[in-house]
């Protein structure tokens, strides 16, 4: 079987996996409205539930990335999706806060390896001129999962109860694993050529990575910005309900819109940066042009706290998500541009861990800010952080370019259609 007959199917499967990951984590942000009515959980307790997820998610982002750089994306993603799908189904059995905390922790253990695995898969199968677009498709599934989650969860809850909203997606994830394991697989698109010259690529250790300035820049960027995205995912349904007076049913008809904007920009942002490279932009200029545009768009986000119209507020949220899609696709692709086969998955994992740690520390604080003040400080911070991060990115990584060169990379470019091994 030849490469071109399967690599886009592999990306489609990763698209589905990232979609399931966001769908599964988003179900609670919708179902919590019903769960709080039934179990009387406070906002602070809900903050701790989110922290439970983020704690294990933070741990497995790095550990999962490190393992996937060693065992490969096929095995790594199969285990990850299996674990989080089982955990998600267990949410439907929950009858107490400790149980919800435990199941949420298990969900994070599985989902932590998702995006490092997606980045590793794309790097293995696509070259520089297609990598941004392929990354956009792969991570764009997360947005589509978030688009589907609100109306699907509300529909299932109305007909079958909120518990079924967790069980059904969990079963779908288990079916995904079965299909994924049947795919003929190549660990690298130039693997046969690499073997023929008897070369071997060694993954970098954490000690080696921590000596590299670029590693810390990518980590700090996620540490700054991930809390904004988690705020959007975990708190906006409650914001629409409590601050805007939007009904449970109407939230389902509105909350998918920002995530649709995210999915479109994930794919379009990757395609556009690849297109700039084809128009003879350097990799550095192409990735940063898109990221700078995204950072500029986020300056409008604080207006969501001040507009009177619910629809206009949702439109501003959609603008943020559109900007974030441009940003995150090119951010992840930049990591692969810099670290290549040696450490792409590990650095994606380290940066994801940093973002999750930042978010888990801030989630209980977010609950306190909302209870004692309002959502306004959170909207203002959401609009300022991306431009600050981009300015730092420009100065601390003035040129996005590969840190490691080898004959393996040149071999990769010469081989278009190697045979695929099972």
Protein backbone atom coordinates (compact mmCIF):
# COMPACT_ATOMS: atom_id res chain seq x y z
CA UNK A 1 0.00 0.00 0.00
CA UNK A 2 1.33 3.45 -0.91
CA UNK A 3 1.65 6.53 1.29
CA UNK A 4 -0.82 8.78 -0.54
CA UNK A 5 -3.60 6.21 -0.26
CA UNK A 6 -3.59 6.38 3.54
CA UNK A 7 -1.94 9.47 5.03
CA UNK A 8 -5.02 11.69 4.68
CA UNK A 9 -7.14 8.95 6.27
CA UNK A 10 -4.70 8.96 9.19
CA UNK A 11 -5.17 12.74 9.53
CA UNK A 12 -8.95 12.28 9.38
CA UNK A 13 -8.74 9.77 12.22
CA UNK A 14 -6.64 12.20 14.27
CA UNK A 15 -9.25 14.87 13.47
CA UNK A 16 -11.87 12.54 14.95
CA UNK A 17 -9.71 11.81 18.01
CA UNK A 18 -9.15 15.48 18.86
CA UNK A 19 -12.86 16.01 18.22
CA UNK A 20 -13.74 13.32 20.73
CA UNK A 21 -11.30 14.77 23.25
CA UNK A 22 -13.00 18.17 23.24
CA UNK A 23 -16.49 16.72 23.03
CA UNK A 24 -15.81 14.52 26.05
CA UNK A 25 -14.38 17.34 28.16
CA UNK A 26 -17.08 19.81 27.08
CA UNK A 27 -20.02 17.57 28.05
CA UNK A 28 -19.53 18.48 31.71
CA UNK A 29 -19.53 22.23 31.03
CA UNK A 30 -23.08 21.81 29.69
CA UNK A 31 -24.30 19.02 31.97
CA UNK A 32 -23.04 20.84 35.09
CA UNK A 33 -26.14 23.02 34.97
CA UNK A 34 -28.30 19.92 35.53
CA UNK A 35 -25.76 18.23 37.82
CA UNK A 36 -25.63 21.26 40.13
CA UNK A 37 -29.41 21.24 40.36
CA UNK A 38 -29.35 17.58 41.38
CA UNK A 39 -26.28 17.49 43.66
CA UNK A 40 -26.06 21.15 44.80
CA UNK A 41 -22.36 21.53 43.94
CA UNK A 42 -21.06 25.09 44.47
CA UNK A 43 -19.09 27.09 41.88
CA UNK A 44 -15.95 26.60 43.96
CA UNK A 45 -16.50 22.83 44.00
CA UNK A 46 -17.00 22.95 40.23
CA UNK A 47 -13.70 24.80 40.03
CA UNK A 48 -12.05 21.94 41.91
CA UNK A 49 -13.62 19.42 39.54
CA UNK A 50 -11.98 21.26 36.66
CA UNK A 51 -8.73 21.33 38.62
CA UNK A 52 -8.88 17.54 39.04
CA UNK A 53 -9.02 17.16 35.27
CA UNK A 54 -6.26 19.70 34.70
CA UNK A 55 -3.97 18.10 37.29
CA UNK A 56 -3.85 14.74 35.52
CA UNK A 57 -3.99 16.45 32.12
CA UNK A 58 -0.90 18.46 33.05
CA UNK A 59 0.95 15.35 34.17
CA UNK A 60 0.11 13.30 31.08
CA UNK A 61 0.73 16.08 28.57
CA UNK A 62 4.45 15.84 29.29
CA UNK A 63 4.61 12.14 30.15
CA UNK A 64 2.40 11.28 27.20
CA UNK A 65 4.48 13.39 24.82
CA UNK A 66 7.69 11.80 26.10
CA UNK A 67 6.27 8.29 25.67
CA UNK A 68 4.87 8.98 22.19
CA UNK A 69 8.27 10.20 21.01
CA UNK A 70 9.48 6.72 22.00
CA UNK A 71 6.62 4.26 21.31
CA UNK A 72 5.10 6.10 18.35
CA UNK A 73 1.80 7.82 17.68
CA UNK A 74 -0.19 4.72 16.72
CA UNK A 75 0.22 2.92 20.04
CA UNK A 76 0.22 6.11 22.08
CA UNK A 77 -3.02 7.49 20.67
CA UNK A 78 -4.78 4.12 20.93
CA UNK A 79 -4.03 3.92 24.65
CA UNK A 80 -4.91 7.57 25.23
CA UNK A 81 -8.29 7.47 23.48
CA UNK A 82 -9.16 4.17 25.15
CA UNK A 83 -8.43 5.51 28.64
CA UNK A 84 -10.33 8.76 28.28
CA UNK A 85 -13.31 7.10 26.58
CA UNK A 86 -13.72 4.65 29.45
CA UNK A 87 -13.33 7.53 31.93
CA UNK A 88 -15.96 9.58 30.14
CA UNK A 89 -18.44 6.71 30.22
CA UNK A 90 -17.81 6.37 33.98
CA UNK A 91 -19.07 9.95 34.45
CA UNK A 92 -22.53 8.54 33.75
CA UNK A 93 -22.25 6.43 36.92
CA UNK A 94 -21.33 9.38 39.17
CA UNK A 95 -23.34 9.88 42.40
CA UNK A 96 -21.07 12.10 44.50
CA UNK A 97 -18.44 14.81 44.30
CA UNK A 98 -15.52 12.44 45.11
CA UNK A 99 -16.60 10.15 42.26
CA UNK A 100 -16.81 13.07 39.85
CA UNK A 101 -13.35 14.24 40.93
CA UNK A 102 -11.93 10.72 40.36
CA UNK A 103 -13.54 10.23 36.94
CA UNK A 104 -12.45 13.69 35.87
CA UNK A 105 -8.88 12.88 36.92
CA UNK A 106 -8.95 9.68 34.84
CA UNK A 107 -10.30 11.62 31.85
CA UNK A 108 -7.33 13.97 32.05
CA UNK A 109 -4.89 11.05 32.16
CA UNK A 110 -6.11 9.90 28.77
CA UNK A 111 -6.60 13.26 27.11
CA UNK A 112 -3.16 14.54 28.07
CA UNK A 113 -1.50 12.48 25.33
CA UNK A 114 -3.91 13.52 22.57
CA UNK A 115 -2.27 16.64 21.14
CA UNK A 116 1.35 15.45 21.49
CA UNK A 117 0.23 12.35 19.58
CA UNK A 118 -1.51 14.46 16.94
CA UNK A 119 1.60 16.62 16.46
CA UNK A 120 3.82 13.54 16.22
CA UNK A 121 1.53 11.89 13.67
CA UNK A 122 1.47 14.96 11.42
CA UNK A 123 5.22 15.46 11.61
CA UNK A 124 5.83 11.84 10.67
CA UNK A 125 3.57 11.91 7.62
CA UNK A 126 3.91 15.44 6.17
CA UNK A 127 6.72 17.72 5.03
CA UNK A 128 7.19 21.43 5.74
CA UNK A 129 4.99 22.72 2.90
CA UNK A 130 1.97 20.67 3.99
CA UNK A 131 2.52 20.41 7.73
CA UNK A 132 0.60 23.53 8.74
CA UNK A 133 -2.50 22.47 6.82
CA UNK A 134 -2.30 18.91 8.14
CA UNK A 135 -1.86 20.20 11.69
CA UNK A 136 -4.86 22.47 11.18
CA UNK A 137 -7.02 19.52 10.17
CA UNK A 138 -5.70 17.33 12.98
CA UNK A 139 -6.29 19.79 15.80
CA UNK A 140 -9.36 21.29 14.09
CA UNK A 141 -11.29 18.25 15.21
CA UNK A 142 -11.14 19.61 18.74
CA UNK A 143 -13.23 22.59 17.71
CA UNK A 144 -15.76 20.44 15.86
CA UNK A 145 -16.09 18.27 18.97
CA UNK A 146 -16.78 21.41 20.97
CA UNK A 147 -19.32 22.53 18.33
CA UNK A 148 -21.19 19.25 18.59
CA UNK A 149 -21.02 18.98 22.39
CA UNK A 150 -23.57 21.65 23.46
CA UNK A 151 -26.52 20.71 21.19
CA UNK A 152 -25.75 16.99 21.42
CA UNK A 153 -25.49 17.04 25.22
CA UNK A 154 -28.68 19.05 25.58
CA UNK A 155 -30.55 16.81 23.12
CA UNK A 156 -29.39 13.60 24.83
CA UNK A 157 -30.13 15.07 28.27
CA UNK A 158 -33.67 16.01 27.27
CA UNK A 159 -34.49 12.53 25.93
CA UNK A 160 -32.26 10.15 27.91
CA UNK A 161 -30.93 12.14 30.87
CA UNK A 162 -27.59 13.84 31.44
CA UNK A 163 -25.84 10.54 32.27
CA UNK A 164 -26.29 9.25 28.73
CA UNK A 165 -24.47 12.36 27.48
CA UNK A 166 -21.29 10.86 28.93
CA UNK A 167 -21.84 7.18 28.16
CA UNK A 168 -22.62 7.47 24.43
CA UNK A 169 -19.47 9.45 23.44
CA UNK A 170 -17.43 7.04 25.56
CA UNK A 171 -18.64 4.11 23.48
CA UNK A 172 -17.86 5.99 20.27
CA UNK A 173 -14.28 6.48 21.50
CA UNK A 174 -13.84 2.77 22.11
CA UNK A 175 -15.01 2.09 18.53
CA UNK A 176 -12.43 4.65 17.30
CA UNK A 177 -9.64 2.71 18.99
CA UNK A 178 -10.65 -0.50 17.22
CA UNK A 179 -10.51 1.21 13.80
CA UNK A 180 -7.24 3.03 14.55
CA UNK A 181 -5.46 -0.20 15.44
CA UNK A 182 -6.41 -1.71 12.08
CA UNK A 183 -4.69 1.05 10.05
CA UNK A 184 -1.48 0.01 8.23
CA UNK A 185 1.15 2.26 9.75
CA UNK A 186 4.46 3.94 9.09
CA UNK A 187 6.28 5.49 12.02
CA UNK A 188 7.99 7.88 9.61
CA UNK A 189 7.44 8.70 5.93
CA UNK A 190 11.14 8.18 5.20
CA UNK A 191 11.63 5.18 7.46
CA UNK A 192 12.75 2.79 4.73
CA UNK A 193 15.35 5.24 3.46
CA UNK A 194 16.63 5.87 6.94
CA UNK A 195 17.04 2.15 7.53
CA UNK A 196 18.89 1.79 4.24
CA UNK A 197 21.68 4.08 5.39
CA UNK A 198 21.79 2.57 8.87
CA UNK A 199 21.09 5.78 10.74
CA UNK A 200 19.19 6.29 13.95
CA UNK A 201 17.53 9.31 15.49
CA UNK A 202 17.77 9.60 19.25
CA UNK A 203 15.09 11.50 21.16
CA UNK A 204 16.41 14.28 23.38
CA UNK A 205 16.32 13.94 27.15
CA UNK A 206 14.50 16.45 29.33
CA UNK A 207 17.86 17.71 30.61
CA UNK A 208 18.98 18.47 27.07
CA UNK A 209 15.68 20.15 26.18
CA UNK A 210 15.74 22.37 29.26
CA UNK A 211 19.09 23.78 28.15
CA UNK A 212 17.51 25.13 24.97
CA UNK A 213 16.01 28.64 25.11
CA UNK A 214 13.30 27.84 22.56
CA UNK A 215 11.92 25.11 24.83
CA UNK A 216 11.28 27.62 27.60
CA UNK A 217 9.75 30.19 25.24
CA UNK A 218 7.17 27.70 23.97
CA UNK A 219 6.46 26.55 27.54
CA UNK A 220 5.97 30.10 28.85
CA UNK A 221 3.64 31.01 25.99
CA UNK A 222 1.27 28.16 26.84
CA UNK A 223 1.55 28.97 30.55
CA UNK A 224 0.31 32.48 29.79
CA UNK A 225 -2.42 31.70 27.29
CA UNK A 226 -4.03 28.36 28.12
CA UNK A 227 -6.07 29.74 31.04
CA UNK A 228 -7.91 31.94 28.54
CA UNK A 229 -8.98 28.93 26.48
CA UNK A 230 -9.98 26.94 29.57
CA UNK A 231 -12.00 29.90 30.77
CA UNK A 232 -13.90 29.80 27.48
CA UNK A 233 -14.45 26.05 27.68
CA UNK A 234 -15.38 25.66 31.34
CA UNK A 235 -17.13 28.89 32.34
CA UNK A 236 -18.92 30.42 29.36
CA UNK A 237 -22.11 28.28 29.60
CA UNK A 238 -22.43 29.41 33.23
CA UNK A 239 -21.67 33.00 32.19
CA UNK A 240 -24.43 32.92 29.58
CA UNK A 241 -26.84 31.41 32.10
CA UNK A 242 -26.03 33.54 35.15
CA UNK A 243 -24.94 36.89 33.68
CA UNK A 244 -26.93 36.98 30.44
CA UNK A 245 -30.05 35.06 31.54
CA UNK A 246 -29.80 32.60 28.64
CA UNK A 247 -31.91 29.47 29.05
CA UNK A 248 -30.38 25.97 29.16
CA UNK A 249 -31.90 25.13 25.77
CA UNK A 250 -30.71 28.35 24.12
CA UNK A 251 -27.15 27.84 25.36
CA UNK A 252 -27.09 24.76 23.15
CA UNK A 253 -28.10 26.88 20.15
CA UNK A 254 -25.41 29.53 20.82
CA UNK A 255 -22.38 27.92 22.44
CA UNK A 256 -21.39 25.93 19.35
CA UNK A 257 -20.84 29.06 17.26
CA UNK A 258 -17.46 30.12 18.77
CA UNK A 259 -16.14 26.60 18.40
CA UNK A 260 -17.18 26.45 14.77
CA UNK A 261 -15.11 29.60 14.25
CA UNK A 262 -12.22 27.83 15.98
CA UNK A 263 -12.47 24.78 13.72
CA UNK A 264 -12.53 26.90 10.57
CA UNK A 265 -9.52 28.95 11.65
CA UNK A 266 -7.54 25.89 12.77
CA UNK A 267 -7.68 24.55 9.23
CA UNK A 268 -7.53 27.88 7.39
CA UNK A 269 -4.71 29.18 9.61
CA UNK A 270 -2.57 26.17 8.79
CA UNK A 271 -3.42 26.32 5.11
CA UNK A 272 -2.64 30.04 4.95
CA UNK A 273 0.79 29.76 6.57
CA UNK A 274 1.67 26.89 4.22
CA UNK A 275 0.49 29.01 1.31
CA UNK A 276 2.73 31.87 2.41
CA UNK A 277 5.68 29.48 2.37
CA UNK A 278 4.75 28.45 -1.18
CA UNK A 279 4.75 32.17 -2.03
CA UNK A 280 8.40 32.26 -0.89
CA UNK A 281 7.85 33.55 2.63
CA UNK A 282 10.35 32.08 5.06
CA UNK A 283 8.98 29.64 7.64
CA UNK A 284 9.65 32.28 10.29
CA UNK A 285 7.77 35.04 8.46
CA UNK A 286 4.86 32.79 7.48
CA UNK A 287 4.17 31.41 10.98
CA UNK A 288 4.64 34.78 12.72
CA UNK A 289 2.49 36.69 10.22
CA UNK A 290 -0.50 34.49 11.06
CA UNK A 291 0.21 34.52 14.81
CA UNK A 292 0.60 38.31 14.84
CA UNK A 293 -2.72 38.73 13.04
CA UNK A 294 -4.35 36.42 15.61
CA UNK A 295 -2.90 38.36 18.55
CA UNK A 296 -4.25 41.62 17.11
CA UNK A 297 -7.77 40.19 16.82
CA UNK A 298 -7.87 39.26 20.51
CA UNK A 299 -7.67 42.93 21.52
CA UNK A 300 -11.42 43.13 20.85
CA UNK A 301 -12.27 40.37 23.37
CA UNK A 302 -12.86 42.60 26.48
CA UNK A 303 -15.83 44.16 24.68
CA UNK A 304 -17.77 40.95 25.39
CA UNK A 305 -18.24 42.16 28.96
CA UNK A 306 -19.77 45.48 27.92
CA UNK A 307 -22.05 44.86 24.93
CA UNK A 308 -25.77 44.61 25.68
CA UNK A 309 -26.70 42.03 23.09
CA UNK A 310 -26.22 38.32 23.87
CA UNK A 311 -25.73 37.66 20.17
CA UNK A 312 -23.00 40.31 19.93
CA UNK A 313 -21.26 38.89 23.01
CA UNK A 314 -21.28 35.44 21.42
CA UNK A 315 -19.92 36.98 18.19
CA UNK A 316 -16.98 38.42 20.16
CA UNK A 317 -16.38 35.01 21.73
CA UNK A 318 -16.38 33.60 18.20
CA UNK A 319 -13.81 36.23 17.18
CA UNK A 320 -11.58 35.11 20.04
CA UNK A 321 -11.92 31.48 19.00
CA UNK A 322 -11.16 32.39 15.38
CA UNK A 323 -7.99 34.15 16.53
CA UNK A 324 -7.01 31.28 18.80
CA UNK A 325 -7.36 28.78 15.93
CA UNK A 326 -4.92 30.79 13.81
CA UNK A 327 -2.59 31.06 16.78
CA UNK A 328 -2.54 27.48 18.10
CA UNK A 329 -2.16 25.80 14.70
CA UNK A 330 0.90 27.88 13.86
CA UNK A 331 2.24 27.62 17.40
CA UNK A 332 2.22 23.79 17.28
CA UNK A 333 3.58 23.78 13.73
CA UNK A 334 6.37 26.12 14.85
CA UNK A 335 7.36 23.61 17.52
CA UNK A 336 7.68 20.90 14.86
CA UNK A 337 9.60 23.33 12.63
CA UNK A 338 12.10 23.93 15.43
CA UNK A 339 12.42 20.53 17.13
CA UNK A 340 11.68 18.05 14.32
CA UNK A 341 11.65 14.32 14.95
CA UNK A 342 13.89 14.56 17.98
CA UNK A 343 11.47 16.29 20.33
CA UNK A 344 8.27 17.62 18.71
CA UNK A 345 5.90 15.50 20.78
CA UNK A 346 7.86 16.06 23.98
CA UNK A 347 7.93 19.87 23.62
CA UNK A 348 4.24 19.95 22.71
CA UNK A 349 3.70 17.89 25.84
CA UNK A 350 5.84 20.11 28.06
CA UNK A 351 4.09 23.24 26.84
CA UNK A 352 0.68 21.65 27.30
CA UNK A 353 1.61 20.70 30.83
CA UNK A 354 2.62 24.29 31.54
CA UNK A 355 -0.74 25.53 30.26
CA UNK A 356 -2.66 22.96 32.26
CA UNK A 357 -0.72 23.78 35.46
CA UNK A 358 -1.41 27.47 34.98
CA UNK A 359 -5.08 26.72 34.40
CA UNK A 360 -5.47 24.34 37.33
CA UNK A 361 -3.93 26.94 39.64
CA UNK A 362 -6.24 29.64 38.33
CA UNK A 363 -9.53 27.71 38.09
CA UNK A 364 -10.40 27.90 41.80
CA UNK A 365 -9.35 31.57 41.67
CA UNK A 366 -11.67 32.12 38.71
CA UNK A 367 -14.52 30.75 40.81
CA UNK A 368 -13.65 33.22 43.60
CA UNK A 369 -13.38 36.17 41.20
CA UNK A 370 -16.78 35.36 39.73
CA UNK A 371 -18.44 34.89 43.13
CA UNK A 372 -16.95 38.00 44.75
CA UNK A 373 -16.59 40.38 41.79
CA UNK A 374 -17.66 39.62 38.22
CA UNK A 375 -16.53 38.15 34.92
CA UNK A 376 -15.14 41.49 33.67
CA UNK A 377 -11.52 41.09 34.90
CA UNK A 378 -11.39 37.75 33.11
CA UNK A 379 -12.56 39.26 29.82
CA UNK A 380 -9.99 42.05 30.05
CA UNK A 381 -7.13 39.62 30.71
CA UNK A 382 -8.29 37.44 27.82
CA UNK A 383 -7.84 40.34 25.41
CA UNK A 384 -4.38 41.44 26.53
CA UNK A 385 -2.41 38.24 26.98
CA UNK A 386 -2.01 37.19 23.34
CA UNK A 387 -0.38 40.45 22.17
CA UNK A 388 1.99 40.33 25.15
CA UNK A 389 2.91 36.71 24.35
CA UNK A 390 3.48 37.53 20.68
CA UNK A 391 5.82 40.42 21.46
CA UNK A 392 7.84 38.11 23.68
CA UNK A 393 7.87 35.45 20.95
CA UNK A 394 9.31 37.90 18.40
CA UNK A 395 12.18 38.93 20.65
CA UNK A 396 12.98 35.56 22.26
CA UNK A 397 12.77 33.46 19.08
CA UNK A 398 13.77 35.91 16.34
CA UNK A 399 13.98 33.15 13.73
CA UNK A 400 11.91 29.95 13.56
CA UNK A 401 14.26 27.36 12.08
CA UNK A 402 15.30 23.74 12.74
CA UNK A 403 17.62 23.29 15.68
CA UNK A 404 18.85 19.91 14.49
CA UNK A 405 19.96 18.93 11.00
CA UNK A 406 20.67 15.43 9.77
CA UNK A 407 20.83 13.37 6.64
CA UNK A 408 17.61 11.70 7.76
CA UNK A 409 15.73 14.94 7.18
CA UNK A 410 17.12 15.34 3.68
CA UNK A 411 16.25 11.72 2.95
CA UNK A 412 12.68 12.44 4.05
CA UNK A 413 12.30 15.03 1.30
CA UNK A 414 13.50 12.61 -1.40
CA UNK A 415 11.02 9.84 -0.67
CA UNK A 416 7.43 10.53 -1.69
CA UNK A 417 5.75 7.13 -1.54
CA UNK A 418 7.46 4.51 0.64
CA UNK A 419 5.67 1.24 1.30
CA UNK A 420 3.53 1.11 4.40
CA UNK A 421 4.19 -1.48 7.06
CA UNK A 422 1.48 -2.97 9.24
